[in-house]
Amino acid sequence: MNKKEIFYDEINYIKNDRLRNSLIKLVELLPDYFFREAAASTGKYHPKYAQGEGGLLRHTKAAVRIGYELLQDLSIGKKYTDKEKDLMLIALLMHDGFKRGLIEEKYSRFDHPIIAANFIMEKYEKVGLTKEDATFISDAIKTHMGDYTTDYNGNEVLEKPHTKYQNFVHMCDYLASRKCLILPFDEHNNIEI
């Protein structure tokens, strides 16, 4: 499986060469299950394109594309530097990367944002990120669930977004999970333009 090729379009949204190369290395570290799992086991909280085999991949591509499109809008994009835009798009691509854990578990992990955020912090030097970049990405990932912060037992597990960067990443993930927003995917799981 050529993971880099699967995310060709999304990787090329990143303007900074160093950050693009870091993202390529991160993509290569994603577990194989990420590319075949559905976005959610029940399909209750995601549109049809995010269900079935490859649904998590398509959900992720949708979140990144929504983020990319929003950042192209001058009213929205002018609020962020080019580097901040790149880092938020990297966070969106990696946000659900370990949804079933570092090693595939039977069910989605409610704490998957923490797992992904910790993974970024553990691997940042290996993939060529600075600690500052890794912290930015990690902080955006760990709060991507928005107000959905309690696990199945009612325990407060996740943080809510506080910064404009965390809120942006959450908003893109949230929009990618809305059943009323349908994106057209081709047979290679790419968004048709």
C-alpha atoms as a PDB file:
ATOM      1  CA  MET A   1       0.000   0.000   0.000  1.00  0.00           C
ATOM      2  CA  ASN A   2       1.379   3.374  -1.007  1.00  0.00           C
ATOM      3  CA  LYS A   3       0.073   5.565   1.813  1.00  0.00           C
ATOM      4  CA  LYS A   4       1.751   8.680   0.449  1.00  0.00           C
ATOM      5  CA  GLU A   5       0.023   8.234  -2.900  1.00  0.00           C
ATOM      6  CA  ILE A   6      -3.377   7.750  -1.230  1.00  0.00           C
ATOM      7  CA  PHE A   7      -2.993  11.200   0.363  1.00  0.00           C
ATOM      8  CA  TYR A   8      -1.329  12.826  -2.659  1.00  0.00           C
ATOM      9  CA  ASP A   9      -3.795  15.740  -2.925  1.00  0.00           C
ATOM     10  CA  GLU A  10      -3.923  16.407   0.815  1.00  0.00           C
ATOM     11  CA  ILE A  11      -0.137  16.310   1.187  1.00  0.00           C
ATOM     12  CA  ASN A  12       0.175  18.839  -1.614  1.00  0.00           C
ATOM     13  CA  TYR A  13      -2.099  21.314   0.184  1.00  0.00           C
ATOM     14  CA  ILE A  14       0.859  21.894   2.528  1.00  0.00           C
ATOM     15  CA  LYS A  15       2.894  24.858   1.260  1.00  0.00           C
ATOM     16  CA  ASN A  16       5.984  24.552   3.454  1.00  0.00           C
ATOM     17  CA  ASP A  17       8.434  21.957   2.096  1.00  0.00           C
ATOM     18  CA  ARG A  18       9.689  20.887   5.530  1.00  0.00           C
ATOM     19  CA  LEU A  19       6.166  20.453   6.899  1.00  0.00           C
ATOM     20  CA  ARG A  20       5.075  18.605   3.745  1.00  0.00           C
ATOM     21  CA  ASN A  21       7.980  16.176   4.154  1.00  0.00           C
ATOM     22  CA  SER A  22       7.099  15.707   7.831  1.00  0.00           C
ATOM     23  CA  LEU A  23       3.503  14.952   6.879  1.00  0.00           C
ATOM     24  CA  ILE A  24       4.656  12.340   4.360  1.00  0.00           C
ATOM     25  CA  LYS A  25       6.597  10.611   7.143  1.00  0.00           C
ATOM     26  CA  LEU A  26       3.590  10.776   9.485  1.00  0.00           C
ATOM     27  CA  VAL A  27       1.290   9.325   6.824  1.00  0.00           C
ATOM     28  CA  GLU A  28       3.694   6.412   6.368  1.00  0.00           C
ATOM     29  CA  LEU A  29       3.383   5.705  10.118  1.00  0.00           C
ATOM     30  CA  LEU A  30      -0.432   5.454  10.062  1.00  0.00           C
ATOM     31  CA  PRO A  31      -1.637   1.932  10.872  1.00  0.00           C
ATOM     32  CA  ASP A  32      -2.885  -0.107   7.916  1.00  0.00           C
ATOM     33  CA  TYR A  33      -6.337  -0.481   9.483  1.00  0.00           C
ATOM     34  CA  PHE A  34      -6.875   3.272   9.136  1.00  0.00           C
ATOM     35  CA  PHE A  35      -7.188   2.843   5.360  1.00  0.00           C
ATOM     36  CA  ARG A  36      -9.897   0.185   5.476  1.00  0.00           C
ATOM     37  CA  GLU A  37     -12.073   0.941   8.553  1.00  0.00           C
ATOM     38  CA  ALA A  38     -15.381   2.804   8.523  1.00  0.00           C
ATOM     39  CA  ALA A  39     -15.436   6.206  10.229  1.00  0.00           C
ATOM     40  CA  ALA A  40     -17.736   4.754  12.909  1.00  0.00           C
ATOM     41  CA  SER A  41     -19.080   1.287  13.548  1.00  0.00           C
ATOM     42  CA  THR A  42     -22.744   2.327  13.685  1.00  0.00           C
ATOM     43  CA  GLY A  43     -22.845   4.954  10.940  1.00  0.00           C
ATOM     44  CA  LYS A  44     -25.017   7.005  13.276  1.00  0.00           C
ATOM     45  CA  TYR A  45     -22.824  10.117  13.270  1.00  0.00           C
ATOM     46  CA  HIS A  46     -21.361  10.156   9.760  1.00  0.00           C
ATOM     47  CA  PRO A  47     -22.636  10.472   6.172  1.00  0.00           C
ATOM     48  CA  LYS A  48     -22.837   7.472   3.858  1.00  0.00           C
ATOM     49  CA  TYR A  49     -19.491   8.216   2.212  1.00  0.00           C
ATOM     50  CA  ALA A  50     -17.807   7.693   5.593  1.00  0.00           C
ATOM     51  CA  GLN A  51     -19.398   4.283   6.110  1.00  0.00           C
ATOM     52  CA  GLY A  52     -18.138   0.916   4.958  1.00  0.00           C
ATOM     53  CA  GLU A  53     -14.641  -0.034   3.915  1.00  0.00           C
ATOM     54  CA  GLY A  54     -12.431   3.036   3.618  1.00  0.00           C
ATOM     55  CA  GLY A  55     -14.961   5.261   5.377  1.00  0.00           C
ATOM     56  CA  LEU A  56     -12.442   6.598   7.907  1.00  0.00           C
ATOM     57  CA  LEU A  57     -10.077   7.481   5.081  1.00  0.00           C
ATOM     58  CA  ARG A  58     -12.866   9.294   3.211  1.00  0.00           C
ATOM     59  CA  HIS A  59     -13.980  11.103   6.391  1.00  0.00           C
ATOM     60  CA  THR A  60     -10.406  12.275   6.922  1.00  0.00           C
ATOM     61  CA  LYS A  61     -10.050  13.418   3.323  1.00  0.00           C
ATOM     62  CA  ALA A  62     -13.354  15.293   3.682  1.00  0.00           C
ATOM     63  CA  ALA A  63     -12.217  17.051   6.871  1.00  0.00           C
ATOM     64  CA  VAL A  64      -8.931  18.086   5.251  1.00  0.00           C
ATOM     65  CA  ARG A  65     -10.684  19.279   2.090  1.00  0.00           C
ATOM     66  CA  ILE A  66     -13.230  21.280   4.081  1.00  0.00           C
ATOM     67  CA  GLY A  67     -10.363  22.871   6.009  1.00  0.00           C
ATOM     68  CA  TYR A  68      -8.464  23.611   2.824  1.00  0.00           C
ATOM     69  CA  GLU A  69     -11.508  25.203   1.157  1.00  0.00           C
ATOM     70  CA  LEU A  70     -12.324  27.333   4.199  1.00  0.00           C
ATOM     71  CA  LEU A  71      -8.737  28.557   4.413  1.00  0.00           C
ATOM     72  CA  GLN A  72      -8.873  29.628   0.732  1.00  0.00           C
ATOM     73  CA  ASP A  73     -11.671  32.062   1.622  1.00  0.00           C
ATOM     74  CA  LEU A  74     -10.078  35.447   2.267  1.00  0.00           C
ATOM     75  CA  SER A  75     -12.400  36.292   5.157  1.00  0.00           C
ATOM     76  CA  ILE A  76     -11.386  33.111   6.978  1.00  0.00           C
ATOM     77  CA  GLY A  77      -7.880  32.485   5.672  1.00  0.00           C
ATOM     78  CA  LYS A  78      -6.541  35.946   6.517  1.00  0.00           C
ATOM     79  CA  LYS A  79      -6.879  35.112  10.210  1.00  0.00           C
ATOM     80  CA  TYR A  80      -4.048  32.558   9.957  1.00  0.00           C
ATOM     81  CA  THR A  81      -0.456  32.556   8.790  1.00  0.00           C
ATOM     82  CA  ASP A  82       0.590  30.132   6.061  1.00  0.00           C
ATOM     83  CA  LYS A  83       2.381  28.037   8.676  1.00  0.00           C
ATOM     84  CA  GLU A  84      -0.707  27.911  10.916  1.00  0.00           C
ATOM     85  CA  LYS A  85      -2.779  26.810   7.913  1.00  0.00           C
ATOM     86  CA  ASP A  86      -0.302  24.017   7.158  1.00  0.00           C
ATOM     87  CA  LEU A  87      -0.249  22.864  10.781  1.00  0.00           C
ATOM     88  CA  MET A  88      -4.055  22.803  11.035  1.00  0.00           C
ATOM     89  CA  LEU A  89      -4.303  20.766   7.824  1.00  0.00           C
ATOM     90  CA  ILE A  90      -1.723  18.313   9.187  1.00  0.00           C
ATOM     91  CA  ALA A  91      -3.769  18.043  12.392  1.00  0.00           C
ATOM     92  CA  LEU A  92      -6.881  17.325  10.331  1.00  0.00           C
ATOM     93  CA  LEU A  93      -5.142  14.616   8.355  1.00  0.00           C
ATOM     94  CA  MET A  94      -3.848  12.936  11.519  1.00  0.00           C
ATOM     95  CA  HIS A  95      -6.827  13.561  13.853  1.00  0.00           C
ATOM     96  CA  ASP A  96      -8.400  10.076  13.549  1.00  0.00           C
ATOM     97  CA  GLY A  97      -5.217   8.255  12.590  1.00  0.00           C
ATOM     98  CA  PHE A  98      -5.345   5.982  15.629  1.00  0.00           C
ATOM     99  CA  LYS A  99      -9.092   5.695  16.097  1.00  0.00           C
ATOM    100  CA  ARG A 100      -8.788   2.020  17.063  1.00  0.00           C
ATOM    101  CA  GLY A 101      -5.542   2.465  18.993  1.00  0.00           C
ATOM    102  CA  LEU A 102      -1.869   2.229  18.096  1.00  0.00           C
ATOM    103  CA  ILE A 103      -2.440  -1.435  17.348  1.00  0.00           C
ATOM    104  CA  GLU A 104      -5.895  -2.231  15.983  1.00  0.00           C
ATOM    105  CA  GLU A 105      -8.456  -2.936  18.657  1.00  0.00           C
ATOM    106  CA  LYS A 106     -11.965  -4.282  18.110  1.00  0.00           C
ATOM    107  CA  TYR A 107     -13.736  -0.949  18.687  1.00  0.00           C
ATOM    108  CA  SER A 108     -12.998   2.735  18.327  1.00  0.00           C
ATOM    109  CA  ARG A 109     -11.174   4.241  21.269  1.00  0.00           C
ATOM    110  CA  PHE A 110     -12.938   7.214  22.822  1.00  0.00           C
ATOM    111  CA  ASP A 111      -9.524   8.556  23.815  1.00  0.00           C
ATOM    112  CA  HIS A 112      -8.200   8.325  20.236  1.00  0.00           C
ATOM    113  CA  PRO A 113      -7.521  12.098  20.157  1.00  0.00           C
ATOM    114  CA  ILE A 114      -5.118  11.680  23.082  1.00  0.00           C
ATOM    115  CA  ILE A 115      -3.486   8.650  21.452  1.00  0.00           C
ATOM    116  CA  ALA A 116      -2.926  10.582  18.202  1.00  0.00           C
ATOM    117  CA  ALA A 117      -1.717  13.709  20.033  1.00  0.00           C
ATOM    118  CA  ASN A 118       0.754  11.675  22.093  1.00  0.00           C
ATOM    119  CA  PHE A 119       1.949   9.882  18.953  1.00  0.00           C
ATOM    120  CA  ILE A 120       2.787  13.234  17.337  1.00  0.00           C
ATOM    121  CA  MET A 121       4.724  14.314  20.444  1.00  0.00           C
ATOM    122  CA  GLU A 122       6.618  11.022  20.563  1.00  0.00           C
ATOM    123  CA  LYS A 123       7.572  11.036  16.860  1.00  0.00           C
ATOM    124  CA  TYR A 124       8.106  14.736  16.139  1.00  0.00           C
ATOM    125  CA  GLU A 125      11.896  14.600  15.934  1.00  0.00           C
ATOM    126  CA  LYS A 126      11.853  11.418  13.837  1.00  0.00           C
ATOM    127  CA  VAL A 127       9.570  13.032  11.240  1.00  0.00           C
ATOM    128  CA  GLY A 128      11.348  16.408  11.205  1.00  0.00           C
ATOM    129  CA  LEU A 129       8.908  18.567  13.150  1.00  0.00           C
ATOM    130  CA  THR A 130      10.022  21.129  15.682  1.00  0.00           C
ATOM    131  CA  LYS A 131       8.681  20.754  19.202  1.00  0.00           C
ATOM    132  CA  GLU A 132       6.655  23.938  18.646  1.00  0.00           C
ATOM    133  CA  ASP A 133       5.065  22.517  15.478  1.00  0.00           C
ATOM    134  CA  ALA A 134       4.342  19.196  17.170  1.00  0.00           C
ATOM    135  CA  THR A 135       2.740  20.916  20.156  1.00  0.00           C
ATOM    136  CA  PHE A 136       0.510  22.978  17.858  1.00  0.00           C
ATOM    137  CA  ILE A 137      -0.609  19.881  15.920  1.00  0.00           C
ATOM    138  CA  SER A 138      -1.028  17.812  19.076  1.00  0.00           C
ATOM    139  CA  ASP A 139      -3.102  20.501  20.796  1.00  0.00           C
ATOM    140  CA  ALA A 140      -5.402  20.760  17.771  1.00  0.00           C
ATOM    141  CA  ILE A 141      -5.828  16.976  17.542  1.00  0.00           C
ATOM    142  CA  LYS A 142      -6.552  16.331  21.213  1.00  0.00           C
ATOM    143  CA  THR A 143      -9.522  18.730  21.210  1.00  0.00           C
ATOM    144  CA  HIS A 144     -11.034  17.801  17.827  1.00  0.00           C
ATOM    145  CA  MET A 145     -14.081  16.190  19.462  1.00  0.00           C
ATOM    146  CA  GLY A 146     -15.375  19.588  20.593  1.00  0.00           C
ATOM    147  CA  ASP A 147     -17.927  19.305  23.398  1.00  0.00           C
ATOM    148  CA  TYR A 148     -17.972  15.495  23.160  1.00  0.00           C
ATOM    149  CA  THR A 149     -15.556  15.026  26.047  1.00  0.00           C
ATOM    150  CA  THR A 150     -17.087  12.277  28.187  1.00  0.00           C
ATOM    151  CA  ASP A 151     -16.585   8.580  27.581  1.00  0.00           C
ATOM    152  CA  TYR A 152     -19.281   5.889  27.555  1.00  0.00           C
ATOM    153  CA  ASN A 153     -19.260   5.803  31.367  1.00  0.00           C
ATOM    154  CA  GLY A 154     -19.700   9.562  31.749  1.00  0.00           C
ATOM    155  CA  ASN A 155     -16.063  10.217  32.683  1.00  0.00           C
ATOM    156  CA  GLU A 156     -14.564  13.493  31.476  1.00  0.00           C
ATOM    157  CA  VAL A 157     -11.710  12.248  29.281  1.00  0.00           C
ATOM    158  CA  LEU A 158     -11.083  14.855  26.602  1.00  0.00           C
ATOM    159  CA  GLU A 159     -10.400  18.578  26.579  1.00  0.00           C
ATOM    160  CA  LYS A 160     -12.678  21.056  24.820  1.00  0.00           C
ATOM    161  CA  PRO A 161     -11.192  23.375  22.184  1.00  0.00           C
ATOM    162  CA  HIS A 162     -10.132  26.800  23.469  1.00  0.00           C
ATOM    163  CA  THR A 163      -7.950  28.394  20.794  1.00  0.00           C
ATOM    164  CA  LYS A 164      -9.018  29.520  17.329  1.00  0.00           C
ATOM    165  CA  TYR A 165      -6.836  26.735  15.891  1.00  0.00           C
ATOM    166  CA  GLN A 166      -8.466  24.034  17.995  1.00  0.00           C
ATOM    167  CA  ASN A 167     -11.916  25.381  17.135  1.00  0.00           C
ATOM    168  CA  PHE A 168     -11.078  25.396  13.421  1.00  0.00           C
ATOM    169  CA  VAL A 169      -9.926  21.767  13.458  1.00  0.00           C
ATOM    170  CA  HIS A 170     -13.007  20.743  15.441  1.00  0.00           C
ATOM    171  CA  MET A 171     -15.294  22.638  13.041  1.00  0.00           C
ATOM    172  CA  CYS A 172     -13.812  20.891   9.984  1.00  0.00           C
ATOM    173  CA  ASP A 173     -14.106  17.470  11.628  1.00  0.00           C
ATOM    174  CA  TYR A 174     -17.660  18.259  12.689  1.00  0.00           C
ATOM    175  CA  LEU A 175     -18.657  19.397   9.193  1.00  0.00           C
ATOM    176  CA  ALA A 176     -17.116  16.255   7.680  1.00  0.00           C
ATOM    177  CA  SER A 177     -19.375  14.195   9.955  1.00  0.00           C
ATOM    178  CA  ARG A 178     -22.635  15.926   8.955  1.00  0.00           C
ATOM    179  CA  LYS A 179     -25.017  13.790   6.946  1.00  0.00           C
ATOM    180  CA  CYS A 180     -26.350  16.837   5.080  1.00  0.00           C
ATOM    181  CA  LEU A 181     -22.938  17.608   3.549  1.00  0.00           C
ATOM    182  CA  ILE A 182     -22.183  15.079   0.842  1.00  0.00           C
ATOM    183  CA  LEU A 183     -18.862  15.037  -0.988  1.00  0.00           C
ATOM    184  CA  PRO A 184     -18.418  13.058  -4.208  1.00  0.00           C
ATOM    185  CA  PHE A 185     -15.678  10.407  -4.042  1.00  0.00           C
ATOM    186  CA  ASP A 186     -14.285   8.465  -6.971  1.00  0.00           C
ATOM    187  CA  GLU A 187     -13.380   4.766  -6.968  1.00  0.00           C
ATOM    188  CA  HIS A 188      -9.909   5.629  -5.582  1.00  0.00           C
ATOM    189  CA  ASN A 189     -11.324   7.450  -2.526  1.00  0.00           C
ATOM    190  CA  ASN A 190     -10.417  10.859  -3.931  1.00  0.00           C
ATOM    191  CA  ILE A 191     -12.813  13.776  -3.833  1.00  0.00           C
ATOM    192  CA  GLU A 192     -14.021  14.481  -7.360  1.00  0.00           C
ATOM    193  CA  ILE A 193     -13.503  18.038  -8.458  1.00  0.00           C
END
